[in-house]
Amino acid sequence: MRWEDRGAIGYRGVQELPAIITDLDINRPIWDSSHLYADAFVSYRTRVRNKVRTTFQLNVRNFSENGRIQPVYANPDGSIAAYRTIDPRLFVFTATFNF
């Protein structure tokens, strides 16, 4: 489990539009919401022909994500200026053989 608490992605301007915003008000942050990310895995161990130890494992990263864009920076007027891509869930299957 990974947790990201809400974070400030910018600050509102001291001046209001349509004036030109030249100063930022640190008491009025623009917040991004909090996020929870979960990973999961399942594994199975067996022997092939009673000699070769074998492990099969399935890992899932970002179990509850479908993929999206997340704001990372906001202008002083509140509009979003930059985004980052949050990858959708990722499945990784591995097989390990020990002779």
PDB file of N, CA and C in Angstrom:
ATOM      1  N   MET A   1       0.844  -1.169   0.000  1.00  0.00           N
ATOM      2  CA  MET A   1       0.000   0.000   0.000  1.00  0.00           C
ATOM      3  C   MET A   1       0.891   1.234   0.000  1.00  0.00           C
ATOM      4  N   ARG A   2       0.494   2.202  -0.813  1.00  0.00           N
ATOM      5  CA  ARG A   2       1.165   3.502  -0.837  1.00  0.00           C
ATOM      6  C   ARG A   2       0.108   4.574  -0.706  1.00  0.00           C
ATOM      7  N   TRP A   3       0.362   5.561   0.128  1.00  0.00           N
ATOM      8  CA  TRP A   3      -0.587   6.630   0.384  1.00  0.00           C
ATOM      9  C   TRP A   3       0.064   7.966   0.050  1.00  0.00           C
ATOM     10  N   GLU A   4      -0.631   8.780  -0.736  1.00  0.00           N
ATOM     11  CA  GLU A   4      -0.227  10.162  -0.990  1.00  0.00           C
ATOM     12  C   GLU A   4      -1.297  11.043  -0.383  1.00  0.00           C
ATOM     13  N   ASP A   5      -0.925  11.826   0.589  1.00  0.00           N
ATOM     14  CA  ASP A   5      -1.869  12.759   1.185  1.00  0.00           C
ATOM     15  C   ASP A   5      -2.098  13.913   0.211  1.00  0.00           C
ATOM     16  N   ARG A   6      -3.120  14.694   0.466  1.00  0.00           N
ATOM     17  CA  ARG A   6      -3.365  15.824  -0.419  1.00  0.00           C
ATOM     18  C   ARG A   6      -2.147  16.733  -0.406  1.00  0.00           C
ATOM     19  N   GLY A   7      -1.877  17.353  -1.519  1.00  0.00           N
ATOM     20  CA  GLY A   7      -0.695  18.199  -1.629  1.00  0.00           C
ATOM     21  C   GLY A   7      -1.016  19.483  -2.359  1.00  0.00           C
ATOM     22  N   ALA A   8      -0.317  20.536  -2.018  1.00  0.00           N
ATOM     23  CA  ALA A   8      -0.489  21.822  -2.682  1.00  0.00           C
ATOM     24  C   ALA A   8       0.180  21.765  -4.050  1.00  0.00           C
ATOM     25  N   ILE A   9      -0.556  22.120  -5.090  1.00  0.00           N
ATOM     26  CA  ILE A   9       0.000  22.135  -6.447  1.00  0.00           C
ATOM     27  C   ILE A   9       0.129  23.564  -6.965  1.00  0.00           C
ATOM     28  N   GLY A  10      -0.150  24.527  -6.115  1.00  0.00           N
ATOM     29  CA  GLY A  10      -0.022  25.930  -6.484  1.00  0.00           C
ATOM     30  C   GLY A  10      -0.679  26.796  -5.427  1.00  0.00           C
ATOM     31  N   TYR A  11      -0.633  28.098  -5.645  1.00  0.00           N
ATOM     32  CA  TYR A  11      -1.242  29.065  -4.720  1.00  0.00           C
ATOM     33  C   TYR A  11      -2.049  30.077  -5.505  1.00  0.00           C
ATOM     34  N   ARG A  12      -3.150  30.515  -4.919  1.00  0.00           N
ATOM     35  CA  ARG A  12      -3.984  31.555  -5.527  1.00  0.00           C
ATOM     36  C   ARG A  12      -3.232  32.878  -5.480  1.00  0.00           C
ATOM     37  N   GLY A  13      -3.582  33.749  -6.414  1.00  0.00           N
ATOM     38  CA  GLY A  13      -2.951  35.055  -6.458  1.00  0.00           C
ATOM     39  C   GLY A  13      -3.575  36.008  -5.455  1.00  0.00           C
ATOM     40  N   VAL A  14      -2.782  36.982  -5.012  1.00  0.00           N
ATOM     41  CA  VAL A  14      -3.300  38.033  -4.130  1.00  0.00           C
ATOM     42  C   VAL A  14      -4.292  38.896  -4.912  1.00  0.00           C
ATOM     43  N   GLN A  15      -3.953  39.243  -6.141  1.00  0.00           N
ATOM     44  CA  GLN A  15      -4.833  40.027  -6.997  1.00  0.00           C
ATOM     45  C   GLN A  15      -5.885  39.104  -7.630  1.00  0.00           C
ATOM     46  N   GLU A  16      -7.043  39.635  -7.915  1.00  0.00           N
ATOM     47  CA  GLU A  16      -8.107  38.881  -8.569  1.00  0.00           C
ATOM     48  C   GLU A  16      -8.151  39.250 -10.045  1.00  0.00           C
ATOM     49  N   LEU A  17      -8.525  38.295 -10.872  1.00  0.00           N
ATOM     50  CA  LEU A  17      -8.690  38.560 -12.296  1.00  0.00           C
ATOM     51  C   LEU A  17      -9.786  39.590 -12.497  1.00  0.00           C
ATOM     52  N   PRO A  18      -9.717  40.450 -13.463  1.00  0.00           N
ATOM     53  CA  PRO A  18      -8.845  40.468 -14.635  1.00  0.00           C
ATOM     54  C   PRO A  18      -7.510  41.182 -14.418  1.00  0.00           C
ATOM     55  N   ALA A  19      -7.152  41.561 -13.207  1.00  0.00           N
ATOM     56  CA  ALA A  19      -5.858  42.188 -12.947  1.00  0.00           C
ATOM     57  C   ALA A  19      -4.733  41.193 -13.206  1.00  0.00           C
ATOM     58  N   ILE A  20      -3.556  41.703 -13.422  1.00  0.00           N
ATOM     59  CA  ILE A  20      -2.391  40.846 -13.598  1.00  0.00           C
ATOM     60  C   ILE A  20      -1.939  40.359 -12.222  1.00  0.00           C
ATOM     61  N   ILE A  21      -1.821  39.041 -12.071  1.00  0.00           N
ATOM     62  CA  ILE A  21      -1.437  38.456 -10.783  1.00  0.00           C
ATOM     63  C   ILE A  21       0.081  38.475 -10.673  1.00  0.00           C
ATOM     64  N   THR A  22       0.580  39.230  -9.704  1.00  0.00           N
ATOM     65  CA  THR A  22       2.026  39.347  -9.521  1.00  0.00           C
ATOM     66  C   THR A  22       2.497  38.759  -8.193  1.00  0.00           C
ATOM     67  N   ASP A  23       1.585  38.555  -7.242  1.00  0.00           N
ATOM     68  CA  ASP A  23       1.949  38.007  -5.932  1.00  0.00           C
ATOM     69  C   ASP A  23       1.077  36.795  -5.628  1.00  0.00           C
ATOM     70  N   LEU A  24       1.652  35.838  -4.903  1.00  0.00           N
ATOM     71  CA  LEU A  24       0.917  34.641  -4.505  1.00  0.00           C
ATOM     72  C   LEU A  24       0.561  34.728  -3.030  1.00  0.00           C
ATOM     73  N   ASP A  25      -0.629  34.219  -2.697  1.00  0.00           N
ATOM     74  CA  ASP A  25      -1.106  34.204  -1.316  1.00  0.00           C
ATOM     75  C   ASP A  25      -0.847  32.816  -0.733  1.00  0.00           C
ATOM     76  N   ILE A  26       0.151  32.701   0.158  1.00  0.00           N
ATOM     77  CA  ILE A  26       0.517  31.382   0.691  1.00  0.00           C
ATOM     78  C   ILE A  26      -0.542  30.826   1.642  1.00  0.00           C
ATOM     79  N   ASN A  27      -1.520  31.642   2.003  1.00  0.00           N
ATOM     80  CA  ASN A  27      -2.610  31.175   2.867  1.00  0.00           C
ATOM     81  C   ASN A  27      -3.768  30.577   2.072  1.00  0.00           C
ATOM     82  N   ARG A  28      -3.682  30.586   0.741  1.00  0.00           N
ATOM     83  CA  ARG A  28      -4.740  30.055  -0.120  1.00  0.00           C
ATOM     84  C   ARG A  28      -4.162  29.048  -1.115  1.00  0.00           C
ATOM     85  N   PRO A  29      -3.739  27.879  -0.661  1.00  0.00           N
ATOM     86  CA  PRO A  29      -3.171  26.880  -1.586  1.00  0.00           C
ATOM     87  C   PRO A  29      -4.253  26.244  -2.454  1.00  0.00           C
ATOM     88  N   ILE A  30      -3.826  25.730  -3.586  1.00  0.00           N
ATOM     89  CA  ILE A  30      -4.682  24.936  -4.473  1.00  0.00           C
ATOM     90  C   ILE A  30      -4.278  23.485  -4.230  1.00  0.00           C
ATOM     91  N   TRP A  31      -5.218  22.664  -3.779  1.00  0.00           N
ATOM     92  CA  TRP A  31      -4.934  21.301  -3.341  1.00  0.00           C
ATOM     93  C   TRP A  31      -5.249  20.272  -4.413  1.00  0.00           C
ATOM     94  N   ASP A  32      -4.430  19.232  -4.467  1.00  0.00           N
ATOM     95  CA  ASP A  32      -4.746  18.015  -5.197  1.00  0.00           C
ATOM     96  C   ASP A  32      -5.268  17.021  -4.165  1.00  0.00           C
ATOM     97  N   SER A  33      -6.154  16.128  -4.554  1.00  0.00           N
ATOM     98  CA  SER A  33      -6.735  15.184  -3.595  1.00  0.00           C
ATOM     99  C   SER A  33      -5.720  14.109  -3.200  1.00  0.00           C
ATOM    100  N   SER A  34      -6.035  13.377  -2.155  1.00  0.00           N
ATOM    101  CA  SER A  34      -5.169  12.285  -1.698  1.00  0.00           C
ATOM    102  C   SER A  34      -5.396  11.055  -2.577  1.00  0.00           C
ATOM    103  N   HIS A  35      -4.401  10.153  -2.575  1.00  0.00           N
ATOM    104  CA  HIS A  35      -4.463   8.963  -3.422  1.00  0.00           C
ATOM    105  C   HIS A  35      -3.949   7.751  -2.655  1.00  0.00           C
ATOM    106  N   LEU A  36      -4.567   6.609  -2.899  1.00  0.00           N
ATOM    107  CA  LEU A  36      -4.146   5.344  -2.316  1.00  0.00           C
ATOM    108  C   LEU A  36      -3.820   4.387  -3.458  1.00  0.00           C
ATOM    109  N   TYR A  37      -2.635   3.803  -3.410  1.00  0.00           N
ATOM    110  CA  TYR A  37      -2.208   2.848  -4.422  1.00  0.00           C
ATOM    111  C   TYR A  37      -1.952   1.508  -3.729  1.00  0.00           C
ATOM    112  N   ALA A  38      -2.378   0.428  -4.361  1.00  0.00           N
ATOM    113  CA  ALA A  38      -2.221  -0.901  -3.768  1.00  0.00           C
ATOM    114  C   ALA A  38      -1.554  -1.841  -4.774  1.00  0.00           C
ATOM    115  N   ASP A  39      -0.653  -2.674  -4.261  1.00  0.00           N
ATOM    116  CA  ASP A  39      -0.015  -3.731  -5.041  1.00  0.00           C
ATOM    117  C   ASP A  39      -0.423  -5.068  -4.439  1.00  0.00           C
ATOM    118  N   ALA A  40      -0.394  -6.112  -5.244  1.00  0.00           N
ATOM    119  CA  ALA A  40      -0.744  -7.449  -4.744  1.00  0.00           C
ATOM    120  C   ALA A  40       0.071  -8.488  -5.504  1.00  0.00           C
ATOM    121  N   PHE A  41       0.236  -9.644  -4.867  1.00  0.00           N
ATOM    122  CA  PHE A  41       0.901 -10.753  -5.552  1.00  0.00           C
ATOM    123  C   PHE A  41       0.363 -12.068  -5.012  1.00  0.00           C
ATOM    124  N   VAL A  42       0.500 -13.091  -5.838  1.00  0.00           N
ATOM    125  CA  VAL A  42       0.168 -14.451  -5.431  1.00  0.00           C
ATOM    126  C   VAL A  42       1.243 -15.356  -6.038  1.00  0.00           C
ATOM    127  N   SER A  43       1.673 -16.356  -5.256  1.00  0.00           N
ATOM    128  CA  SER A  43       2.692 -17.259  -5.784  1.00  0.00           C
ATOM    129  C   SER A  43       2.304 -18.706  -5.473  1.00  0.00           C
ATOM    130  N   TYR A  44       2.864 -19.613  -6.263  1.00  0.00           N
ATOM    131  CA  TYR A  44       2.608 -21.047  -6.108  1.00  0.00           C
ATOM    132  C   TYR A  44       3.931 -21.779  -6.306  1.00  0.00           C
ATOM    133  N   ARG A  45       4.281 -22.654  -5.346  1.00  0.00           N
ATOM    134  CA  ARG A  45       5.507 -23.436  -5.434  1.00  0.00           C
ATOM    135  C   ARG A  45       5.161 -24.906  -5.610  1.00  0.00           C
ATOM    136  N   THR A  46       5.914 -25.543  -6.480  1.00  0.00           N
ATOM    137  CA  THR A  46       5.699 -26.965  -6.750  1.00  0.00           C
ATOM    138  C   THR A  46       7.016 -27.581  -7.214  1.00  0.00           C
ATOM    139  N   ARG A  47       6.991 -28.875  -7.452  1.00  0.00           N
ATOM    140  CA  ARG A  47       8.149 -29.578  -8.021  1.00  0.00           C
ATOM    141  C   ARG A  47       7.703 -30.213  -9.337  1.00  0.00           C
ATOM    142  N   VAL A  48       8.555 -30.069 -10.336  1.00  0.00           N
ATOM    143  CA  VAL A  48       8.292 -30.686 -11.628  1.00  0.00           C
ATOM    144  C   VAL A  48       9.096 -31.981 -11.681  1.00  0.00           C
ATOM    145  N   ARG A  49       8.415 -33.107 -11.875  1.00  0.00           N
ATOM    146  CA  ARG A  49       9.025 -34.449 -11.919  1.00  0.00           C
ATOM    147  C   ARG A  49       9.812 -34.751 -10.645  1.00  0.00           C
ATOM    148  N   ASN A  50       9.372 -34.191  -9.542  1.00  0.00           N
ATOM    149  CA  ASN A  50       9.972 -34.401  -8.221  1.00  0.00           C
ATOM    150  C   ASN A  50      11.444 -34.000  -8.137  1.00  0.00           C
ATOM    151  N   LYS A  51      11.939 -33.215  -9.090  1.00  0.00           N
ATOM    152  CA  LYS A  51      13.340 -32.797  -9.082  1.00  0.00           C
ATOM    153  C   LYS A  51      13.496 -31.279  -9.152  1.00  0.00           C
ATOM    154  N   VAL A  52      12.769 -30.646 -10.027  1.00  0.00           N
ATOM    155  CA  VAL A  52      12.954 -29.224 -10.293  1.00  0.00           C
ATOM    156  C   VAL A  52      11.971 -28.411  -9.441  1.00  0.00           C
ATOM    157  N   ARG A  53      12.530 -27.633  -8.522  1.00  0.00           N
ATOM    158  CA  ARG A  53      11.675 -26.744  -7.720  1.00  0.00           C
ATOM    159  C   ARG A  53      11.245 -25.582  -8.603  1.00  0.00           C
ATOM    160  N   THR A  54       9.947 -25.339  -8.634  1.00  0.00           N
ATOM    161  CA  THR A  54       9.386 -24.333  -9.521  1.00  0.00           C
ATOM    162  C   THR A  54       8.486 -23.389  -8.728  1.00  0.00           C
ATOM    163  N   THR A  55       8.614 -22.101  -9.019  1.00  0.00           N
ATOM    164  CA  THR A  55       7.758 -21.091  -8.400  1.00  0.00           C
ATOM    165  C   THR A  55       7.120 -20.264  -9.501  1.00  0.00           C
ATOM    166  N   PHE A  56       5.803 -20.138  -9.439  1.00  0.00           N
ATOM    167  CA  PHE A  56       5.059 -19.263 -10.340  1.00  0.00           C
ATOM    168  C   PHE A  56       4.550 -18.090  -9.509  1.00  0.00           C
ATOM    169  N   GLN A  57       4.730 -16.881 -10.010  1.00  0.00           N
ATOM    170  CA  GLN A  57       4.293 -15.712  -9.248  1.00  0.00           C
ATOM    171  C   GLN A  57       3.650 -14.696 -10.180  1.00  0.00           C
ATOM    172  N   LEU A  58       2.518 -14.136  -9.728  1.00  0.00           N
ATOM    173  CA  LEU A  58       1.818 -13.070 -10.447  1.00  0.00           C
ATOM    174  C   LEU A  58       1.822 -11.830  -9.559  1.00  0.00           C
ATOM    175  N   ASN A  59       2.423 -10.754 -10.046  1.00  0.00           N
ATOM    176  CA  ASN A  59       2.446  -9.468  -9.343  1.00  0.00           C
ATOM    177  C   ASN A  59       1.533  -8.491 -10.066  1.00  0.00           C
ATOM    178  N   VAL A  60       0.798  -7.705  -9.297  1.00  0.00           N
ATOM    179  CA  VAL A  60      -0.061  -6.663  -9.865  1.00  0.00           C
ATOM    180  C   VAL A  60       0.313  -5.350  -9.194  1.00  0.00           C
ATOM    181  N   ARG A  61       0.772  -4.392  -9.991  1.00  0.00           N
ATOM    182  CA  ARG A  61       1.129  -3.069  -9.478  1.00  0.00           C
ATOM    183  C   ARG A  61      -0.018  -2.108  -9.769  1.00  0.00           C
ATOM    184  N   ASN A  62      -0.302  -1.217  -8.830  1.00  0.00           N
ATOM    185  CA  ASN A  62      -1.425  -0.267  -8.936  1.00  0.00           C
ATOM    186  C   ASN A  62      -2.729  -1.012  -9.206  1.00  0.00           C
ATOM    187  N   PHE A  63      -3.052  -1.890  -8.296  1.00  0.00           N
ATOM    188  CA  PHE A  63      -4.178  -2.818  -8.426  1.00  0.00           C
ATOM    189  C   PHE A  63      -5.498  -2.128  -8.767  1.00  0.00           C
ATOM    190  N   SER A  64      -5.752  -0.967  -8.213  1.00  0.00           N
ATOM    191  CA  SER A  64      -7.048  -0.307  -8.404  1.00  0.00           C
ATOM    192  C   SER A  64      -7.025   0.820  -9.431  1.00  0.00           C
ATOM    193  N   GLU A  65      -5.944   0.971 -10.178  1.00  0.00           N
ATOM    194  CA  GLU A  65      -5.838   2.061 -11.152  1.00  0.00           C
ATOM    195  C   GLU A  65      -6.281   1.627 -12.540  1.00  0.00           C
ATOM    196  N   ASN A  66      -6.973   2.538 -13.225  1.00  0.00           N
ATOM    197  CA  ASN A  66      -7.351   2.318 -14.619  1.00  0.00           C
ATOM    198  C   ASN A  66      -6.527   3.177 -15.568  1.00  0.00           C
ATOM    199  N   GLY A  67      -5.663   4.017 -15.007  1.00  0.00           N
ATOM    200  CA  GLY A  67      -4.881   4.949 -15.815  1.00  0.00           C
ATOM    201  C   GLY A  67      -5.618   6.283 -15.885  1.00  0.00           C
ATOM    202  N   ARG A  68      -4.879   7.365 -15.693  1.00  0.00           N
ATOM    203  CA  ARG A  68      -5.482   8.700 -15.710  1.00  0.00           C
ATOM    204  C   ARG A  68      -4.378   9.733 -15.746  1.00  0.00           C
ATOM    205  N   ILE A  69      -4.779  10.984 -15.860  1.00  0.00           N
ATOM    206  CA  ILE A  69      -3.825  12.066 -15.711  1.00  0.00           C
ATOM    207  C   ILE A  69      -4.123  12.777 -14.396  1.00  0.00           C
ATOM    208  N   GLN A  70      -3.074  13.240 -13.733  1.00  0.00           N
ATOM    209  CA  GLN A  70      -3.201  13.858 -12.416  1.00  0.00           C
ATOM    210  C   GLN A  70      -2.562  15.239 -12.473  1.00  0.00           C
ATOM    211  N   PRO A  71      -3.255  16.275 -11.999  1.00  0.00           N
ATOM    212  CA  PRO A  71      -2.652  17.607 -12.006  1.00  0.00           C
ATOM    213  C   PRO A  71      -1.476  17.692 -11.032  1.00  0.00           C
ATOM    214  N   VAL A  72      -0.417  18.400 -11.453  1.00  0.00           N
ATOM    215  CA  VAL A  72       0.759  18.573 -10.593  1.00  0.00           C
ATOM    216  C   VAL A  72       1.121  20.045 -10.404  1.00  0.00           C
ATOM    217  N   TYR A  73       0.504  20.928 -11.178  1.00  0.00           N
ATOM    218  CA  TYR A  73       0.797  22.356 -11.045  1.00  0.00           C
ATOM    219  C   TYR A  73      -0.438  23.148 -11.452  1.00  0.00           C
ATOM    220  N   ALA A  74      -0.747  24.184 -10.683  1.00  0.00           N
ATOM    221  CA  ALA A  74      -1.891  25.038 -10.983  1.00  0.00           C
ATOM    222  C   ALA A  74      -1.441  26.497 -11.069  1.00  0.00           C
ATOM    223  N   ASN A  75      -2.057  27.225 -11.974  1.00  0.00           N
ATOM    224  CA  ASN A  75      -1.804  28.662 -12.107  1.00  0.00           C
ATOM    225  C   ASN A  75      -2.461  29.409 -10.947  1.00  0.00           C
ATOM    226  N   PRO A  76      -2.053  30.643 -10.698  1.00  0.00           N
ATOM    227  CA  PRO A  76      -2.644  31.427  -9.601  1.00  0.00           C
ATOM    228  C   PRO A  76      -4.150  31.672  -9.742  1.00  0.00           C
ATOM    229  N   ASP A  77      -4.691  31.543 -10.954  1.00  0.00           N
ATOM    230  CA  ASP A  77      -6.136  31.722 -11.123  1.00  0.00           C
ATOM    231  C   ASP A  77      -6.910  30.426 -10.874  1.00  0.00           C
ATOM    232  N   GLY A  78      -6.207  29.324 -10.574  1.00  0.00           N
ATOM    233  CA  GLY A  78      -6.853  28.050 -10.287  1.00  0.00           C
ATOM    234  C   GLY A  78      -6.878  27.077 -11.448  1.00  0.00           C
ATOM    235  N   SER A  79      -6.528  27.515 -12.649  1.00  0.00           N
ATOM    236  CA  SER A  79      -6.513  26.597 -13.793  1.00  0.00           C
ATOM    237  C   SER A  79      -5.291  25.689 -13.711  1.00  0.00           C
ATOM    238  N   ILE A  80      -5.453  24.469 -14.203  1.00  0.00           N
ATOM    239  CA  ILE A  80      -4.370  23.483 -14.151  1.00  0.00           C
ATOM    240  C   ILE A  80      -3.387  23.762 -15.289  1.00  0.00           C
ATOM    241  N   ALA A  81      -2.093  23.779 -14.954  1.00  0.00           N
ATOM    242  CA  ALA A  81      -1.059  24.101 -15.937  1.00  0.00           C
ATOM    243  C   ALA A  81      -0.240  22.884 -16.359  1.00  0.00           C
ATOM    244  N   ALA A  82      -0.133  21.854 -15.517  1.00  0.00           N
ATOM    245  CA  ALA A  82       0.681  20.686 -15.852  1.00  0.00           C
ATOM    246  C   ALA A  82       0.061  19.437 -15.238  1.00  0.00           C
ATOM    247  N   TYR A  83       0.230  18.324 -15.944  1.00  0.00           N
ATOM    248  CA  TYR A  83      -0.301  17.030 -15.520  1.00  0.00           C
ATOM    249  C   TYR A  83       0.803  15.994 -15.565  1.00  0.00           C
ATOM    250  N   ARG A  84       0.597  14.870 -14.874  1.00  0.00           N
ATOM    251  CA  ARG A  84       1.439  13.695 -15.034  1.00  0.00           C
ATOM    252  C   ARG A  84       0.534  12.509 -15.318  1.00  0.00           C
ATOM    253  N   THR A  85       1.083  11.508 -15.959  1.00  0.00           N
ATOM    254  CA  THR A  85       0.324  10.314 -16.305  1.00  0.00           C
ATOM    255  C   THR A  85       0.474   9.274 -15.199  1.00  0.00           C
ATOM    256  N   ILE A  86      -0.647   8.763 -14.714  1.00  0.00           N
ATOM    257  CA  ILE A  86      -0.649   7.658 -13.762  1.00  0.00           C
ATOM    258  C   ILE A  86      -0.916   6.395 -14.578  1.00  0.00           C
ATOM    259  N   ASP A  87       0.047   5.487 -14.551  1.00  0.00           N
ATOM    260  CA  ASP A  87      -0.066   4.265 -15.355  1.00  0.00           C
ATOM    261  C   ASP A  87      -1.188   3.371 -14.835  1.00  0.00           C
ATOM    262  N   PRO A  88      -1.842   2.649 -15.742  1.00  0.00           N
ATOM    263  CA  PRO A  88      -2.857   1.685 -15.291  1.00  0.00           C
ATOM    264  C   PRO A  88      -2.176   0.495 -14.624  1.00  0.00           C
ATOM    265  N   ARG A  89      -2.991  -0.408 -14.088  1.00  0.00           N
ATOM    266  CA  ARG A  89      -2.431  -1.580 -13.400  1.00  0.00           C
ATOM    267  C   ARG A  89      -1.506  -2.343 -14.344  1.00  0.00           C
ATOM    268  N   LEU A  90      -0.496  -2.940 -13.752  1.00  0.00           N
ATOM    269  CA  LEU A  90       0.514  -3.670 -14.503  1.00  0.00           C
ATOM    270  C   LEU A  90       0.586  -5.091 -13.958  1.00  0.00           C
ATOM    271  N   PHE A  91       0.468  -6.073 -14.845  1.00  0.00           N
ATOM    272  CA  PHE A  91       0.560  -7.481 -14.476  1.00  0.00           C
ATOM    273  C   PHE A  91       1.933  -8.011 -14.890  1.00  0.00           C
ATOM    274  N   VAL A  92       2.619  -8.684 -13.963  1.00  0.00           N
ATOM    275  CA  VAL A  92       3.915  -9.295 -14.252  1.00  0.00           C
ATOM    276  C   VAL A  92       3.861 -10.741 -13.768  1.00  0.00           C
ATOM    277  N   PHE A  93       4.081 -11.672 -14.695  1.00  0.00           N
ATOM    278  CA  PHE A  93       4.082 -13.097 -14.360  1.00  0.00           C
ATOM    279  C   PHE A  93       5.515 -13.611 -14.482  1.00  0.00           C
ATOM    280  N   THR A  94       5.997 -14.301 -13.442  1.00  0.00           N
ATOM    281  CA  THR A  94       7.344 -14.868 -13.483  1.00  0.00           C
ATOM    282  C   THR A  94       7.288 -16.350 -13.107  1.00  0.00           C
ATOM    283  N   ALA A  95       8.192 -17.080 -13.707  1.00  0.00           N
ATOM    284  CA  ALA A  95       8.362 -18.503 -13.382  1.00  0.00           C
ATOM    285  C   ALA A  95       9.839 -18.711 -13.075  1.00  0.00           C
ATOM    286  N   THR A  96      10.128 -19.336 -11.932  1.00  0.00           N
ATOM    287  CA  THR A  96      11.499 -19.573 -11.498  1.00  0.00           C
ATOM    288  C   THR A  96      11.716 -21.068 -11.359  1.00  0.00           C
ATOM    289  N   PHE A  97      12.809 -21.552 -11.940  1.00  0.00           N
ATOM    290  CA  PHE A  97      13.142 -22.973 -11.909  1.00  0.00           C
ATOM    291  C   PHE A  97      14.487 -23.144 -11.212  1.00  0.00           C
ATOM    292  N   ASN A  98      14.555 -24.006 -10.206  1.00  0.00           N
ATOM    293  CA  ASN A  98      15.793 -24.309  -9.489  1.00  0.00           C
ATOM    294  C   ASN A  98      16.146 -25.776  -9.712  1.00  0.00           C
ATOM    295  N   PHE A  99      17.285 -26.004 -10.327  1.00  0.00           N
ATOM    296  CA  PHE A  99      17.719 -27.367 -10.627  1.00  0.00           C
ATOM    297  C   PHE A  99      18.623 -27.897  -9.551  1.00  0.00           C
TER     298      PHE A  99
END
